[in-house]
């Protein structure tokens, strides 16, 4: 066994042990709870645009994009555009490394604020980004996205818009079929299920009605995807526990 193989085996063992470490997992959840109370995710940017993600999930997405090597990433939810810029930059790196020929990012949002749209379009990565405004679960939008997706040979999907159970389940039903075998559909903000319900008193989602419950419901009738629990065990601190769905067939 060479040193690289040995390291990979040791790391996999450590990650598995994390999943069995109740104290460590409890500490991670405590940090998630306390950090969510102060909008910790607002602290970070990617290439100058606010990304509103935890650094652990950003690293996980970098790893997945390198592993999958998609040439099209589809995202629901745009906000300030940091995630679109992140995905575009990852695809640009894949191009530079000769792993793909041309990468594109498609973002969908029901309300793309003018100042955000202007900033995204002014960014050097904008040439890789297309934005559609409208509800991600509107029938015409779904058709429009599916038609755009014909441009991709290998597709990865990220869902991060309205966080109600009904909406996320509808997104999964609409877009999971676009995901390439071996690629991922990543469902963000599943942590809503794990945090105190009073944190969501001003939102239409909460315990029992959120992205995680939508994932669980979706998987009851769809065995093409599995939850990659090793990513959860690796990150510990993540807004997307149970949300890294790998397409197996």
Protein backbone atom coordinates (compact mmCIF):
# COMPACT_ATOMS: atom_id res chain seq x y z
CA UNK A 1 0.00 0.00 0.00
CA UNK A 2 1.45 3.36 -1.00
CA UNK A 3 1.37 6.40 1.35
CA UNK A 4 -1.51 8.06 -0.51
CA UNK A 5 -3.72 4.98 -0.25
CA UNK A 6 -2.81 4.61 3.41
CA UNK A 7 -3.75 8.23 4.11
CA UNK A 8 -7.10 7.84 2.32
CA UNK A 9 -7.94 4.75 4.40
CA UNK A 10 -6.95 6.48 7.64
CA UNK A 11 -9.03 9.53 6.77
CA UNK A 12 -12.08 7.42 5.91
CA UNK A 13 -11.77 5.66 9.27
CA UNK A 14 -11.57 8.99 11.11
CA UNK A 15 -14.64 10.31 9.29
CA UNK A 16 -16.61 7.17 10.16
CA UNK A 17 -15.61 7.57 13.81
CA UNK A 18 -16.98 11.12 13.77
CA UNK A 19 -20.39 9.66 13.00
CA UNK A 20 -20.22 7.56 16.16
CA UNK A 21 -18.92 10.36 18.39
CA UNK A 22 -22.04 11.59 20.20
CA UNK A 23 -20.17 14.24 22.17
CA UNK A 24 -18.54 15.72 19.08
CA UNK A 25 -21.84 15.73 17.18
CA UNK A 26 -23.60 17.40 20.12
CA UNK A 27 -20.91 20.10 20.22
CA UNK A 28 -21.27 20.65 16.48
CA UNK A 29 -25.04 21.04 16.82
CA UNK A 30 -24.54 23.47 19.71
CA UNK A 31 -22.24 25.57 17.52
CA UNK A 32 -24.75 25.47 14.65
CA UNK A 33 -27.53 26.61 16.95
CA UNK A 34 -25.59 29.46 18.52
CA UNK A 35 -24.00 30.60 15.25
CA UNK A 36 -27.34 30.56 13.40
CA UNK A 37 -28.72 32.93 16.05
CA UNK A 38 -26.15 35.55 14.99
CA UNK A 39 -26.40 34.93 11.21
CA UNK A 40 -22.89 33.48 11.09
CA UNK A 41 -23.31 32.48 7.43
CA UNK A 42 -23.58 36.16 6.46
CA UNK A 43 -19.90 36.67 7.33
CA UNK A 44 -18.41 35.17 4.18
CA UNK A 45 -17.89 36.11 0.54
CA UNK A 46 -16.55 34.37 -2.54
CA UNK A 47 -14.53 36.47 -4.98
CA UNK A 48 -16.15 39.61 -3.63
CA UNK A 49 -19.82 38.53 -3.46
CA UNK A 50 -21.64 37.49 -0.25
CA UNK A 51 -22.19 33.74 -0.39
CA UNK A 52 -24.29 33.16 2.77
CA UNK A 53 -22.91 29.68 3.40
CA UNK A 54 -20.85 28.00 6.11
CA UNK A 55 -17.18 27.48 5.13
CA UNK A 56 -17.51 23.72 5.71
CA UNK A 57 -20.21 23.44 3.05
CA UNK A 58 -18.17 25.57 0.66
CA UNK A 59 -15.26 23.13 1.05
CA UNK A 60 -17.61 20.17 0.57
CA UNK A 61 -18.97 21.69 -2.64
CA UNK A 62 -15.43 22.23 -3.92
CA UNK A 63 -14.66 18.57 -3.27
CA UNK A 64 -17.86 17.40 -4.97
CA UNK A 65 -17.34 19.58 -8.02
CA UNK A 66 -13.80 18.22 -8.46
CA UNK A 67 -15.07 14.66 -7.99
CA UNK A 68 -18.08 14.97 -10.30
CA UNK A 69 -16.55 17.34 -12.87
CA UNK A 70 -19.86 18.77 -14.04
CA UNK A 71 -20.09 21.09 -17.01
CA UNK A 72 -23.45 22.48 -15.84
CA UNK A 73 -24.48 23.46 -12.31
CA UNK A 74 -28.12 24.42 -11.75
CA UNK A 75 -28.98 26.41 -8.63
CA UNK A 76 -32.33 27.53 -7.23
CA UNK A 77 -32.00 30.64 -5.09
CA UNK A 78 -29.62 33.46 -6.05
CA UNK A 79 -29.69 36.13 -3.29
CA UNK A 80 -26.43 38.12 -3.58
CA UNK A 81 -24.99 35.73 -6.15
CA UNK A 82 -22.01 34.44 -4.18
CA UNK A 83 -22.94 30.81 -4.77
CA UNK A 84 -23.27 31.39 -8.52
CA UNK A 85 -19.84 33.04 -8.55
CA UNK A 86 -18.44 30.15 -6.50
CA UNK A 87 -19.81 27.53 -8.90
CA UNK A 88 -18.64 29.48 -11.94
CA UNK A 89 -15.13 29.78 -10.53
CA UNK A 90 -14.98 26.05 -9.78
CA UNK A 91 -16.00 25.27 -13.35
CA UNK A 92 -13.37 27.72 -14.63
CA UNK A 93 -10.74 25.79 -12.64
CA UNK A 94 -11.95 22.53 -14.17
CA UNK A 95 -11.51 24.12 -17.60
CA UNK A 96 -7.99 25.33 -16.77
CA UNK A 97 -7.09 21.83 -15.58
CA UNK A 98 -8.42 20.31 -18.79
CA UNK A 99 -11.15 18.33 -17.00
CA UNK A 100 -14.07 19.87 -18.94
CA UNK A 101 -14.34 21.86 -22.14
CA UNK A 102 -16.86 24.52 -21.11
CA UNK A 103 -18.70 25.03 -17.84
CA UNK A 104 -21.94 26.92 -17.27
CA UNK A 105 -24.02 27.88 -14.24
CA UNK A 106 -27.77 28.47 -14.27
CA UNK A 107 -29.41 30.33 -11.40
CA UNK A 108 -33.17 30.58 -10.80
CA UNK A 109 -34.84 32.96 -8.38
CA UNK A 110 -38.36 34.28 -7.99
CA UNK A 111 -37.03 37.78 -7.31
CA UNK A 112 -33.58 38.76 -8.55
CA UNK A 113 -32.96 42.11 -6.91
CA UNK A 114 -31.75 44.75 -9.36
CA UNK A 115 -28.61 45.64 -7.38
CA UNK A 116 -27.64 41.98 -7.06
CA UNK A 117 -28.26 41.30 -10.74
CA UNK A 118 -26.13 44.29 -11.67
CA UNK A 119 -23.28 43.18 -9.39
CA UNK A 120 -23.37 39.60 -10.69
CA UNK A 121 -23.38 40.74 -14.32
CA UNK A 122 -20.42 43.05 -13.61
CA UNK A 123 -18.36 40.22 -12.11
CA UNK A 124 -15.57 38.60 -14.19
CA UNK A 125 -17.30 35.22 -13.74
CA UNK A 126 -20.57 36.48 -15.21
CA UNK A 127 -19.72 35.09 -18.65
CA UNK A 128 -20.37 31.63 -17.23
CA UNK A 129 -23.66 32.53 -15.56
CA UNK A 130 -27.24 32.59 -16.85
CA UNK A 131 -30.10 33.76 -14.61
CA UNK A 132 -33.82 33.03 -14.92
CA UNK A 133 -36.31 35.03 -12.87
CA UNK A 134 -39.47 33.27 -11.74
CA UNK A 135 -40.67 30.53 -9.40
CA UNK A 136 -38.52 27.41 -9.65
CA UNK A 137 -41.62 25.21 -9.40
CA UNK A 138 -43.70 27.03 -12.01
CA UNK A 139 -44.53 24.65 -14.87
CA UNK A 140 -43.16 26.97 -17.55
CA UNK A 141 -39.95 27.56 -15.58
CA UNK A 142 -39.42 23.82 -15.16
CA UNK A 143 -39.76 23.37 -18.93
CA UNK A 144 -37.36 26.27 -19.52
CA UNK A 145 -34.75 24.80 -17.17
CA UNK A 146 -35.04 21.32 -18.64
CA UNK A 147 -34.54 22.77 -22.10
CA UNK A 148 -31.45 24.71 -20.92
CA UNK A 149 -30.11 21.56 -19.28
CA UNK A 150 -29.76 19.91 -22.70
CA UNK A 151 -26.55 21.95 -22.98
CA UNK A 152 -24.92 19.97 -20.15
CA UNK A 153 -23.23 16.60 -20.43
CA UNK A 154 -22.80 16.18 -16.67
CA UNK A 155 -25.11 18.06 -14.33
CA UNK A 156 -25.06 18.92 -10.62
CA UNK A 157 -28.07 20.57 -8.94
CA UNK A 158 -28.25 22.75 -5.80
CA UNK A 159 -31.57 23.66 -4.14
CA UNK A 160 -31.51 26.73 -1.89
CA UNK A 161 -34.62 28.84 -2.38
CA UNK A 162 -37.93 28.65 -0.47
CA UNK A 163 -37.34 26.24 2.43
CA UNK A 164 -40.85 24.88 3.00
CA UNK A 165 -41.42 21.14 2.71
CA UNK A 166 -43.89 21.55 -0.15
CA UNK A 167 -41.62 23.81 -2.20
CA UNK A 168 -38.43 21.78 -1.78
CA UNK A 169 -40.25 18.52 -2.52
CA UNK A 170 -41.64 20.10 -5.70
CA UNK A 171 -38.10 21.19 -6.67
CA UNK A 172 -36.77 17.69 -6.07
CA UNK A 173 -39.52 16.22 -8.21
CA UNK A 174 -38.86 18.81 -10.92
CA UNK A 175 -35.06 18.77 -11.12
CA UNK A 176 -33.63 15.59 -9.59
CA UNK A 177 -34.06 13.82 -12.91
CA UNK A 178 -31.55 16.24 -14.45
CA UNK A 179 -28.75 15.08 -12.15
CA UNK A 180 -26.20 12.83 -13.83
CA UNK A 181 -25.45 9.39 -12.39
CA UNK A 182 -22.59 9.76 -9.92
CA UNK A 183 -23.38 13.45 -9.46
CA UNK A 184 -25.32 15.17 -6.69
CA UNK A 185 -28.47 17.06 -5.86
CA UNK A 186 -27.50 19.16 -2.83
CA UNK A 187 -30.37 20.39 -0.66
CA UNK A 188 -29.34 23.27 1.57
CA UNK A 189 -30.77 24.45 4.92
CA UNK A 190 -31.91 21.05 6.06
CA UNK A 191 -30.65 22.24 9.46
CA UNK A 192 -34.05 23.92 9.98
CA UNK A 193 -35.28 20.55 11.28
CA UNK A 194 -32.52 20.37 13.89
CA UNK A 195 -32.64 23.86 15.40
CA UNK A 196 -35.12 25.27 17.94
CA UNK A 197 -38.47 25.96 16.29
CA UNK A 198 -38.69 29.47 17.74
CA UNK A 199 -35.81 30.46 15.47
CA UNK A 200 -38.21 30.27 12.53
CA UNK A 201 -41.20 32.06 14.08
CA UNK A 202 -41.13 34.72 11.34
CA UNK A 203 -40.72 32.18 8.52
CA UNK A 204 -43.17 29.87 6.72
CA UNK A 205 -40.93 26.88 7.55
CA UNK A 206 -39.92 25.14 10.78
CA UNK A 207 -39.70 21.72 12.41
CA UNK A 208 -41.65 19.18 10.36
CA UNK A 209 -41.86 21.57 7.41
CA UNK A 210 -38.46 22.15 5.83
CA UNK A 211 -35.87 20.89 3.32
CA UNK A 212 -34.87 17.89 5.46
CA UNK A 213 -38.44 16.60 5.74
CA UNK A 214 -38.77 17.10 1.97
CA UNK A 215 -35.63 15.02 1.39
CA UNK A 216 -36.96 12.23 3.60
CA UNK A 217 -40.30 12.27 1.78
CA UNK A 218 -38.63 12.31 -1.64
CA UNK A 219 -36.43 9.32 -0.84
CA UNK A 220 -39.43 7.22 0.20
CA UNK A 221 -40.44 6.94 -3.45
CA UNK A 222 -37.10 7.49 -5.21
CA UNK A 223 -34.29 4.97 -4.84
CA UNK A 224 -32.09 6.60 -7.49
CA UNK A 225 -30.52 8.75 -4.76
CA UNK A 226 -28.86 8.03 -1.43
CA UNK A 227 -27.80 10.37 1.36
CA UNK A 228 -24.02 10.54 1.51
CA UNK A 229 -23.72 10.30 5.28
CA UNK A 230 -19.93 10.35 5.10
CA UNK A 231 -20.14 14.00 4.06
CA UNK A 232 -22.25 14.71 7.16
CA UNK A 233 -19.70 12.86 9.32
CA UNK A 234 -16.85 14.74 7.69
CA UNK A 235 -18.27 18.23 8.05
CA UNK A 236 -20.15 17.94 11.37
CA UNK A 237 -20.91 21.66 11.04
CA UNK A 238 -23.15 21.98 7.99
CA UNK A 239 -26.42 23.58 6.98
CA UNK A 240 -27.10 20.61 4.68
CA UNK A 241 -27.02 17.46 6.82
CA UNK A 242 -28.88 14.68 4.98
CA UNK A 243 -28.90 17.04 2.02
CA UNK A 244 -25.96 15.69 0.00
CA UNK A 245 -27.87 13.32 -2.26
CA UNK A 246 -25.82 11.18 -4.64
CA UNK A 247 -27.49 9.79 -7.74
CA UNK A 248 -26.68 6.08 -7.98
CA UNK A 249 -28.71 5.04 -10.99
